[in-house]
């Protein structure tokens, strides 16, 4: 009997050890997908009520094999997750260029030897442009061969180089009620259709806070290192005691400590100086802030001083809160005093209110939807070279002094103005533009006859 009892005890101990090993494997497997595992452990709070989930990306994804999935989406698995995040790509073709006489799009550049001009070289400018659109402005995304067709809510379609569309190339994760969590690579996707967000199970809160810089403070929803945007995401780094992975919803502040480290203060008062990873070091790509005054800003590592996280109810605007873009219209004043009024195409590229004016100030990059812009006043080229800034006045009345770079720099391809009732356009090179005044979105003119791609 003693032998039998001992055998039973050993069998019971072996069974407990086996169960423990299985549990460890399960925990490790869950750790691979922290967004799923952590979210399920978070109790529902006012910040994660059903209505507050409306800011999460949601859609239907059809695969090349014919399968269909529907649910919450996150691009790249752990990157863009909300309607206010931006989808990025590149437009190689520019159909607006056909509206400009070819000779007017030719650049003349000097050829110099020892500082002396000996000839001039004529060349056509590169009219390819980056594509940026908030997910809330997009209706669907469809790959086809080497191209990617992105259709906005307005009905405007853009043809992108599929292999330069970084967000699409990283694939998408879908939380499907029937199939669970599904990760699809871009090669397996036939179509993504965006629809209003349905009721979701408990998910982590969206990160919100105030970023302090030498240029001022910016407050709104944030993406750390252009990627982490949920409380269940983790900040990784090293200390003298080893490696740490800290959930963002347990962090109170992140402050610059040195050129390659950050001081992290937890909500419980503990402090850690983290280093040794891109997210907290020199490789950090900056912090996005969806500041309602400006649309979105990118605070670089150089400008970053401190991020104070705050509690906010909600996950941002819902899909239906992003209205379809309207055509840009207004008045262009040239340096000779001419005033041209009508439908506008800025930089031979942006033509709708949801497209953006992109320009820096210091080490902060502004991405401002044109619907927020009232006017732009430009210094002459020589003054730009001396450091004078362009004055960008918003519909709110605030004026930003932005550098003559990005959309406000020499690379701007100029303005098209479609006079009311006409399909032909007048072209004004950027160097000849003195001032641009934009109509408020409610007073916009109808689009020209030819759509652009």
Protein backbone atom coordinates (compact mmCIF):
# COMPACT_ATOMS: atom_id res chain seq x y z
CA UNK A 1 0.00 0.00 0.00
CA UNK A 2 2.86 2.38 0.76
CA UNK A 3 4.37 1.70 -2.68
CA UNK A 4 1.01 2.24 -4.39
CA UNK A 5 0.45 5.47 -2.47
CA UNK A 6 3.91 6.73 -3.41
CA UNK A 7 3.30 5.84 -7.04
CA UNK A 8 0.01 7.75 -7.02
CA UNK A 9 1.73 10.77 -5.50
CA UNK A 10 4.45 10.66 -8.16
CA UNK A 11 1.85 10.39 -10.94
CA UNK A 12 -0.06 13.34 -9.50
CA UNK A 13 3.15 15.39 -9.30
CA UNK A 14 4.03 14.50 -12.91
CA UNK A 15 0.55 15.52 -14.03
CA UNK A 16 0.85 18.90 -12.29
CA UNK A 17 4.26 19.52 -13.87
CA UNK A 18 2.89 18.65 -17.33
CA UNK A 19 -0.05 21.01 -16.86
CA UNK A 20 2.36 23.73 -15.75
CA UNK A 21 4.46 23.31 -18.88
CA UNK A 22 1.36 23.56 -21.07
CA UNK A 23 0.33 26.73 -19.24
CA UNK A 24 3.79 28.23 -19.78
CA UNK A 25 3.57 27.48 -23.51
CA UNK A 26 0.16 29.10 -23.70
CA UNK A 27 1.39 32.22 -21.95
CA UNK A 28 4.39 32.43 -24.26
CA UNK A 29 2.17 32.04 -27.30
CA UNK A 30 -0.09 34.80 -26.03
CA UNK A 31 2.91 37.06 -25.50
CA UNK A 32 3.62 36.91 -29.21
CA UNK A 33 0.37 38.78 -29.80
CA UNK A 34 0.39 41.28 -26.94
CA UNK A 35 -2.43 43.34 -28.47
CA UNK A 36 -4.81 40.38 -28.19
CA UNK A 37 -3.62 38.86 -24.92
CA UNK A 38 -3.33 42.11 -23.00
CA UNK A 39 -6.60 43.56 -24.25
CA UNK A 40 -8.61 40.56 -23.08
CA UNK A 41 -7.29 41.05 -19.56
CA UNK A 42 -8.35 44.71 -19.34
CA UNK A 43 -11.74 45.34 -17.70
CA UNK A 44 -14.26 47.44 -19.60
CA UNK A 45 -14.03 51.07 -18.46
CA UNK A 46 -15.73 54.33 -19.52
CA UNK A 47 -12.86 54.84 -21.95
CA UNK A 48 -13.62 51.50 -23.60
CA UNK A 49 -17.42 51.67 -23.84
CA UNK A 50 -19.09 50.47 -27.03
CA UNK A 51 -19.50 54.02 -28.36
CA UNK A 52 -15.87 54.83 -27.58
CA UNK A 53 -14.71 51.98 -29.84
CA UNK A 54 -15.90 53.78 -32.96
CA UNK A 55 -12.45 55.23 -33.62
CA UNK A 56 -10.90 51.81 -34.30
CA UNK A 57 -10.26 50.72 -37.89
CA UNK A 58 -12.86 48.26 -39.17
CA UNK A 59 -13.49 46.67 -42.52
CA UNK A 60 -14.01 43.70 -44.83
CA UNK A 61 -10.99 41.99 -46.35
CA UNK A 62 -11.38 39.69 -49.35
CA UNK A 63 -8.47 37.40 -50.19
CA UNK A 64 -7.30 36.10 -53.55
CA UNK A 65 -8.57 32.66 -52.58
CA UNK A 66 -12.09 34.06 -52.17
CA UNK A 67 -12.22 34.03 -48.37
CA UNK A 68 -13.73 37.04 -46.62
CA UNK A 69 -13.02 38.41 -43.15
CA UNK A 70 -14.63 41.28 -41.28
CA UNK A 71 -13.66 42.98 -38.06
CA UNK A 72 -11.27 45.36 -36.37
CA UNK A 73 -8.12 46.00 -38.40
CA UNK A 74 -4.55 46.89 -37.59
CA UNK A 75 -2.04 47.42 -40.36
CA UNK A 76 1.37 45.83 -40.01
CA UNK A 77 -0.05 43.82 -37.11
CA UNK A 78 0.96 46.44 -34.55
CA UNK A 79 0.90 49.82 -36.32
CA UNK A 80 -2.03 51.87 -37.73
CA UNK A 81 -5.20 51.08 -35.77
CA UNK A 82 -7.50 54.14 -35.97
CA UNK A 83 -9.47 56.12 -38.55
CA UNK A 84 -7.31 59.19 -37.89
CA UNK A 85 -4.09 57.35 -38.77
CA UNK A 86 -2.60 57.88 -42.22
CA UNK A 87 -2.27 55.46 -45.13
CA UNK A 88 0.96 56.17 -47.04
CA UNK A 89 2.06 55.43 -50.58
CA UNK A 90 3.57 57.02 -53.67
CA UNK A 91 2.05 58.41 -56.88
CA UNK A 92 4.39 57.98 -59.84
CA UNK A 93 2.07 59.58 -62.40
CA UNK A 94 0.65 63.10 -62.32
CA UNK A 95 -2.39 63.56 -64.61
CA UNK A 96 -2.63 67.27 -63.73
CA UNK A 97 0.62 67.86 -65.69
CA UNK A 98 -1.38 67.48 -68.94
CA UNK A 99 -3.05 70.81 -68.10
CA UNK A 100 0.29 72.65 -68.25
CA UNK A 101 2.16 73.53 -71.49
CA UNK A 102 5.25 71.24 -71.52
CA UNK A 103 7.70 74.12 -71.91
CA UNK A 104 6.41 75.67 -68.68
CA UNK A 105 7.32 72.56 -66.71
CA UNK A 106 10.95 72.62 -67.84
CA UNK A 107 13.52 73.63 -65.23
CA UNK A 108 16.67 75.53 -66.17
CA UNK A 109 19.65 74.80 -63.91
CA UNK A 110 23.12 76.39 -64.20
CA UNK A 111 26.23 74.34 -64.99
CA UNK A 112 29.20 75.85 -63.18
CA UNK A 113 32.97 75.30 -63.15
CA UNK A 114 34.90 76.80 -60.24
CA UNK A 115 31.86 78.88 -59.40
CA UNK A 116 31.48 80.30 -62.92
CA UNK A 117 28.36 79.51 -64.93
CA UNK A 118 29.35 78.07 -68.30
CA UNK A 119 26.02 76.73 -69.51
CA UNK A 120 22.47 75.96 -68.50
CA UNK A 121 20.81 72.54 -68.44
CA UNK A 122 17.12 72.05 -69.16
CA UNK A 123 15.24 69.22 -67.48
CA UNK A 124 11.72 68.21 -66.57
CA UNK A 125 10.92 68.14 -62.85
CA UNK A 126 9.99 64.93 -61.08
CA UNK A 127 6.22 65.18 -60.55
CA UNK A 128 5.86 61.95 -58.59
CA UNK A 129 4.46 62.68 -55.14
CA UNK A 130 3.95 60.90 -51.80
CA UNK A 131 0.35 59.90 -51.07
CA UNK A 132 -1.12 60.44 -47.61
CA UNK A 133 -4.75 60.00 -46.60
CA UNK A 134 -6.43 59.36 -43.29
CA UNK A 135 -8.05 55.94 -43.19
CA UNK A 136 -11.32 57.70 -42.36
CA UNK A 137 -11.16 59.41 -45.79
CA UNK A 138 -10.74 56.12 -47.72
CA UNK A 139 -13.50 53.90 -49.11
CA UNK A 140 -11.44 50.93 -50.36
CA UNK A 141 -7.97 49.70 -51.32
CA UNK A 142 -7.46 47.28 -54.24
CA UNK A 143 -4.12 45.85 -55.48
CA UNK A 144 -3.70 45.06 -59.17
CA UNK A 145 -0.37 43.85 -60.48
CA UNK A 146 2.25 46.49 -59.67
CA UNK A 147 -0.40 49.08 -58.83
CA UNK A 148 -2.60 49.87 -55.88
CA UNK A 149 -5.89 51.69 -56.40
CA UNK A 150 -7.01 53.77 -53.43
CA UNK A 151 -10.54 55.20 -53.67
CA UNK A 152 -11.54 58.04 -51.35
CA UNK A 153 -15.04 58.70 -50.01
CA UNK A 154 -15.30 61.54 -52.54
CA UNK A 155 -15.01 58.97 -55.33
CA UNK A 156 -11.55 60.19 -56.37
CA UNK A 157 -9.20 57.33 -57.22
CA UNK A 158 -5.41 57.35 -56.86
CA UNK A 159 -3.12 54.87 -58.58
CA UNK A 160 -0.08 54.17 -56.40
CA UNK A 161 3.06 52.15 -56.90
CA UNK A 162 2.13 49.01 -54.99
CA UNK A 163 5.69 48.36 -53.88
CA UNK A 164 6.07 51.86 -52.43
CA UNK A 165 2.86 51.58 -50.36
CA UNK A 166 4.56 50.75 -47.07
CA UNK A 167 1.39 50.41 -44.99
CA UNK A 168 -0.11 47.91 -47.43
CA UNK A 169 3.18 46.02 -47.84
CA UNK A 170 3.24 45.26 -44.12
CA UNK A 171 -0.05 43.33 -44.33
CA UNK A 172 -3.06 43.60 -42.05
CA UNK A 173 -4.36 41.88 -38.91
CA UNK A 174 -8.12 41.24 -38.62
CA UNK A 175 -10.09 40.40 -35.50
CA UNK A 176 -12.87 38.31 -37.07
CA UNK A 177 -15.70 37.04 -34.83
CA UNK A 178 -15.84 33.67 -36.63
CA UNK A 179 -12.20 33.03 -37.47
CA UNK A 180 -10.40 34.72 -34.60
CA UNK A 181 -7.25 36.78 -35.19
CA UNK A 182 -6.07 36.49 -38.81
CA UNK A 183 -2.83 37.92 -40.21
CA UNK A 184 -2.82 38.45 -44.00
CA UNK A 185 0.18 39.38 -46.11
CA UNK A 186 -0.28 41.93 -48.88
CA UNK A 187 0.16 39.23 -51.54
CA UNK A 188 -2.97 37.44 -50.35
CA UNK A 189 -5.28 40.47 -50.34
CA UNK A 190 -7.68 41.20 -53.19
CA UNK A 191 -9.62 44.09 -51.64
CA UNK A 192 -10.05 46.01 -48.39
CA UNK A 193 -13.36 47.83 -47.89
CA UNK A 194 -13.69 50.20 -44.94
CA UNK A 195 -17.01 50.36 -43.09
CA UNK A 196 -18.20 51.96 -39.82
CA UNK A 197 -16.91 50.17 -36.75
CA UNK A 198 -19.26 47.59 -35.24
CA UNK A 199 -19.50 46.83 -31.52
CA UNK A 200 -16.22 45.47 -30.22
CA UNK A 201 -15.19 43.34 -27.28
CA UNK A 202 -13.01 44.94 -24.60
CA UNK A 203 -9.88 46.48 -26.10
CA UNK A 204 -7.10 48.63 -24.71
CA UNK A 205 -7.48 52.39 -24.54
CA UNK A 206 -5.95 54.64 -27.17
CA UNK A 207 -2.88 56.59 -26.07
CA UNK A 208 -3.48 60.30 -25.45
CA UNK A 209 -1.20 62.93 -24.03
CA UNK A 210 0.76 66.17 -24.30
CA UNK A 211 4.15 66.34 -26.03
CA UNK A 212 6.39 69.24 -25.00
CA UNK A 213 8.94 70.73 -27.42
CA UNK A 214 10.97 73.97 -27.75
CA UNK A 215 8.32 75.06 -30.32
CA UNK A 216 5.47 74.58 -27.83
CA UNK A 217 3.19 71.79 -26.64
CA UNK A 218 0.91 69.54 -28.68
CA UNK A 219 -2.00 67.60 -27.20
CA UNK A 220 -4.01 64.73 -28.69
CA UNK A 221 -3.89 61.05 -29.52
CA UNK A 222 -0.29 59.91 -29.88
CA UNK A 223 1.79 57.27 -31.66
CA UNK A 224 5.15 56.64 -30.01
CA UNK A 225 7.94 55.95 -32.51
CA UNK A 226 5.25 56.38 -35.24
CA UNK A 227 3.88 53.00 -34.21
CA UNK A 228 2.67 52.37 -30.64
CA UNK A 229 -0.81 53.79 -30.09
CA UNK A 230 -2.60 51.41 -27.70
CA UNK A 231 -2.26 51.01 -23.95
CA UNK A 232 -1.49 47.31 -24.45
CA UNK A 233 1.52 48.10 -26.68
CA UNK A 234 4.87 47.82 -24.93
CA UNK A 235 7.90 50.10 -24.61
CA UNK A 236 11.08 48.05 -24.61
CA UNK A 237 14.52 48.98 -23.36
CA UNK A 238 17.41 48.00 -21.14
CA UNK A 239 18.60 49.07 -17.71
CA UNK A 240 21.54 47.97 -15.58
CA UNK A 241 19.27 45.23 -14.23
CA UNK A 242 18.34 43.77 -17.61
CA UNK A 243 15.70 44.11 -20.33
CA UNK A 244 12.30 45.66 -19.66
CA UNK A 245 8.97 45.61 -21.54
CA UNK A 246 6.61 48.21 -20.07
CA UNK A 247 2.96 48.49 -21.08
CA UNK A 248 2.12 52.02 -22.19
CA UNK A 249 -1.05 52.14 -20.08
CA UNK A 250 1.16 51.71 -16.98
CA UNK A 251 3.38 54.69 -17.93
CA UNK A 252 2.75 58.24 -16.69
CA UNK A 253 5.54 60.12 -18.50
CA UNK A 254 8.44 59.59 -20.91
CA UNK A 255 11.15 62.25 -20.85
CA UNK A 256 14.35 62.71 -22.81
CA UNK A 257 17.25 61.61 -20.60
CA UNK A 258 20.15 61.75 -23.01
CA UNK A 259 20.78 61.37 -26.70
CA UNK A 260 20.27 57.64 -26.45
CA UNK A 261 18.03 57.04 -23.43
CA UNK A 262 14.68 57.99 -21.92
CA UNK A 263 13.48 58.48 -18.34
CA UNK A 264 10.22 56.58 -17.87
CA UNK A 265 8.00 57.28 -14.86
CA UNK A 266 5.31 54.71 -14.12
CA UNK A 267 1.86 55.46 -12.75
CA UNK A 268 2.88 53.83 -9.47
CA UNK A 269 5.83 56.23 -9.12
CA UNK A 270 8.68 53.91 -10.13
CA UNK A 271 11.30 55.34 -12.52
CA UNK A 272 13.47 53.63 -15.13
CA UNK A 273 16.16 54.98 -17.43
CA UNK A 274 15.79 52.89 -20.58
CA UNK A 275 18.31 52.62 -23.41
CA UNK A 276 19.58 50.11 -25.91
CA UNK A 277 16.59 50.02 -28.30
CA UNK A 278 15.40 52.15 -31.20
CA UNK A 279 12.19 53.09 -29.40
CA UNK A 280 14.02 54.95 -26.61
CA UNK A 281 17.26 55.84 -28.39
CA UNK A 282 18.63 57.74 -31.36
CA UNK A 283 16.75 55.51 -33.77
CA UNK A 284 13.36 56.71 -32.52
CA UNK A 285 11.36 57.96 -35.53
CA UNK A 286 9.41 60.58 -33.57
CA UNK A 287 5.99 60.96 -31.99
CA UNK A 288 2.80 61.61 -33.96
CA UNK A 289 0.29 63.84 -32.21
CA UNK A 290 -3.24 64.28 -33.59
CA UNK A 291 -3.60 67.85 -32.38
CA UNK A 292 -7.06 69.09 -33.37
CA UNK A 293 -5.69 72.57 -34.11
CA UNK A 294 -3.42 71.37 -36.91
CA UNK A 295 -4.48 67.88 -37.97
CA UNK A 296 -1.30 65.95 -37.17
CA UNK A 297 2.25 66.87 -36.21
CA UNK A 298 5.37 64.73 -36.09
CA UNK A 299 7.69 65.64 -33.23
CA UNK A 300 11.19 64.44 -34.04
CA UNK A 301 13.60 62.90 -31.56
CA UNK A 302 15.59 66.17 -31.64
CA UNK A 303 12.57 68.31 -30.68
CA UNK A 304 11.12 65.91 -28.13
CA UNK A 305 11.38 66.93 -24.47
CA UNK A 306 8.62 65.09 -22.63
CA UNK A 307 5.37 63.17 -23.12
CA UNK A 308 2.76 63.27 -20.35
CA UNK A 309 0.07 60.65 -20.82
CA UNK A 310 -3.50 61.56 -19.87
CA UNK A 311 -6.78 59.70 -19.56
CA UNK A 312 -9.36 60.42 -22.22
CA UNK A 313 -12.72 58.79 -22.93
CA UNK A 314 -12.90 57.49 -26.46
CA UNK A 315 -10.74 56.28 -29.32
CA UNK A 316 -11.08 59.23 -31.69
CA UNK A 317 -13.55 60.16 -34.44
CA UNK A 318 -15.72 57.47 -36.03
CA UNK A 319 -15.62 56.58 -39.74
CA UNK A 320 -18.80 58.55 -40.42
CA UNK A 321 -17.25 61.64 -38.83
CA UNK A 322 -14.81 61.99 -41.73
CA UNK A 323 -16.80 63.80 -44.45
CA UNK A 324 -15.97 63.26 -48.10
CA UNK A 325 -13.38 65.69 -49.41
CA UNK A 326 -14.52 68.73 -51.39
CA UNK A 327 -12.64 70.47 -54.23
CA UNK A 328 -10.23 73.20 -53.20
CA UNK A 329 -11.13 76.68 -54.36
CA UNK A 330 -9.91 80.18 -53.71
CA UNK A 331 -7.72 82.97 -55.08
CA UNK A 332 -4.05 83.02 -56.11
CA UNK A 333 -2.26 86.37 -56.08
CA UNK A 334 0.91 86.54 -58.18
CA UNK A 335 4.00 88.66 -57.57
CA UNK A 336 2.95 90.93 -60.44
CA UNK A 337 -0.39 91.63 -58.72
CA UNK A 338 -2.70 89.40 -60.81
CA UNK A 339 -5.56 87.68 -58.95
CA UNK A 340 -6.86 84.36 -60.27
CA UNK A 341 -9.99 82.84 -58.69
CA UNK A 342 -11.50 79.39 -59.12
CA UNK A 343 -10.93 75.72 -58.46
CA UNK A 344 -7.34 75.14 -57.23
CA UNK A 345 -4.78 72.39 -57.56
CA UNK A 346 -1.88 72.95 -55.17
CA UNK A 347 1.61 71.74 -56.12
CA UNK A 348 0.05 70.12 -59.22
CA UNK A 349 -1.07 67.48 -56.76
CA UNK A 350 -3.49 68.33 -53.91
CA UNK A 351 -7.00 69.23 -55.06
CA UNK A 352 -9.35 68.28 -52.19
CA UNK A 353 -9.95 69.55 -48.66
CA UNK A 354 -8.90 66.24 -47.08
CA UNK A 355 -5.44 66.36 -48.69
CA UNK A 356 -2.71 67.97 -46.68
CA UNK A 357 -0.24 70.83 -46.56
CA UNK A 358 3.06 69.37 -45.34
CA UNK A 359 5.81 71.64 -44.05
CA UNK A 360 8.22 71.84 -41.09
CA UNK A 361 8.99 74.33 -38.35
CA UNK A 362 12.18 73.51 -36.53
CA UNK A 363 12.13 69.78 -35.91
CA UNK A 364 8.34 69.52 -35.96
CA UNK A 365 6.60 68.49 -39.20
CA UNK A 366 3.02 69.70 -39.74
CA UNK A 367 0.46 67.72 -41.74
CA UNK A 368 -2.52 70.08 -42.07
CA UNK A 369 -5.67 69.16 -44.01
CA UNK A 370 -6.36 71.93 -46.52
CA UNK A 371 -9.86 72.24 -45.08
CA UNK A 372 -8.20 73.88 -42.06
CA UNK A 373 -6.10 76.36 -44.08
CA UNK A 374 -7.37 79.89 -44.76
CA UNK A 375 -4.34 81.43 -46.51
CA UNK A 376 -0.64 81.13 -47.32
CA UNK A 377 1.64 84.17 -47.71
CA UNK A 378 5.06 83.47 -49.20
CA UNK A 379 8.33 85.41 -48.97
CA UNK A 380 10.40 85.74 -52.13
CA UNK A 381 12.93 82.98 -52.81
CA UNK A 382 15.91 85.07 -51.58
CA UNK A 383 14.17 85.73 -48.26
CA UNK A 384 13.46 82.00 -47.89
CA UNK A 385 17.17 81.34 -48.37
CA UNK A 386 17.87 83.83 -45.56
CA UNK A 387 15.59 81.92 -43.19
CA UNK A 388 12.36 83.86 -43.50
CA UNK A 389 9.24 81.68 -43.12
CA UNK A 390 5.90 81.42 -44.90
CA UNK A 391 2.82 82.58 -42.99
CA UNK A 392 0.10 79.92 -42.95
CA UNK A 393 -3.15 81.21 -41.43
CA UNK A 394 -5.73 78.65 -40.35
CA UNK A 395 -9.51 78.93 -40.48
CA UNK A 396 -9.33 79.25 -36.67
CA UNK A 397 -7.42 82.53 -37.08
CA UNK A 398 -4.07 81.19 -35.82
CA UNK A 399 -1.02 81.90 -37.99
CA UNK A 400 1.88 79.44 -38.20
CA UNK A 401 5.34 80.49 -39.38
CA UNK A 402 6.47 77.47 -41.42
CA UNK A 403 9.75 76.95 -43.24
CA UNK A 404 10.06 77.25 -47.02
CA UNK A 405 10.38 73.47 -47.31
CA UNK A 406 8.15 70.52 -48.10
CA UNK A 407 5.02 71.76 -49.85
CA UNK A 408 6.24 75.34 -49.31
CA UNK A 409 9.70 74.81 -50.82
CA UNK A 410 11.33 74.96 -54.24
CA UNK A 411 10.07 71.48 -55.03
CA UNK A 412 6.48 72.78 -55.25
CA UNK A 413 5.37 72.32 -58.89
CA UNK A 414 3.05 75.36 -58.90
CA UNK A 415 -0.67 76.10 -58.97
CA UNK A 416 -3.48 75.33 -61.38
CA UNK A 417 -6.53 77.59 -61.33
CA UNK A 418 -9.74 76.49 -63.08
CA UNK A 419 -11.90 79.55 -63.68
CA UNK A 420 -15.61 79.10 -62.90
CA UNK A 421 -17.44 77.26 -65.69
CA UNK A 422 -14.29 76.28 -67.59
CA UNK A 423 -12.27 73.11 -68.06
CA UNK A 424 -9.05 74.85 -69.08
CA UNK A 425 -6.68 75.96 -66.36
CA UNK A 426 -4.19 78.74 -65.84
CA UNK A 427 -0.81 77.72 -64.48
CA UNK A 428 1.29 79.78 -62.06
CA UNK A 429 4.81 78.54 -61.20
CA UNK A 430 5.49 78.44 -57.47
CA UNK A 431 8.19 81.11 -57.67
CA UNK A 432 5.55 83.53 -58.99
CA UNK A 433 2.99 82.85 -56.22
CA UNK A 434 2.74 85.55 -53.55
CA UNK A 435 -0.43 84.56 -51.72
CA UNK A 436 -3.06 81.82 -51.76
CA UNK A 437 -6.46 82.33 -50.13
CA UNK A 438 -8.69 79.29 -49.69
CA UNK A 439 -12.49 79.37 -49.55
CA UNK A 440 -14.11 77.77 -46.54
CA UNK A 441 -15.15 74.17 -47.38
CA UNK A 442 -18.88 75.05 -47.45
CA UNK A 443 -18.34 77.49 -50.33
CA UNK A 444 -16.41 75.22 -52.67
CA UNK A 445 -16.97 75.07 -56.41
CA UNK A 446 -17.92 71.87 -58.30
CA UNK A 447 -15.02 69.75 -59.64
CA UNK A 448 -13.71 70.12 -63.20
CA UNK A 449 -14.88 67.72 -65.90
CA UNK A 450 -11.80 65.45 -65.82
CA UNK A 451 -11.10 63.39 -62.67
CA UNK A 452 -7.50 62.75 -61.66
CA UNK A 453 -5.79 59.57 -60.71
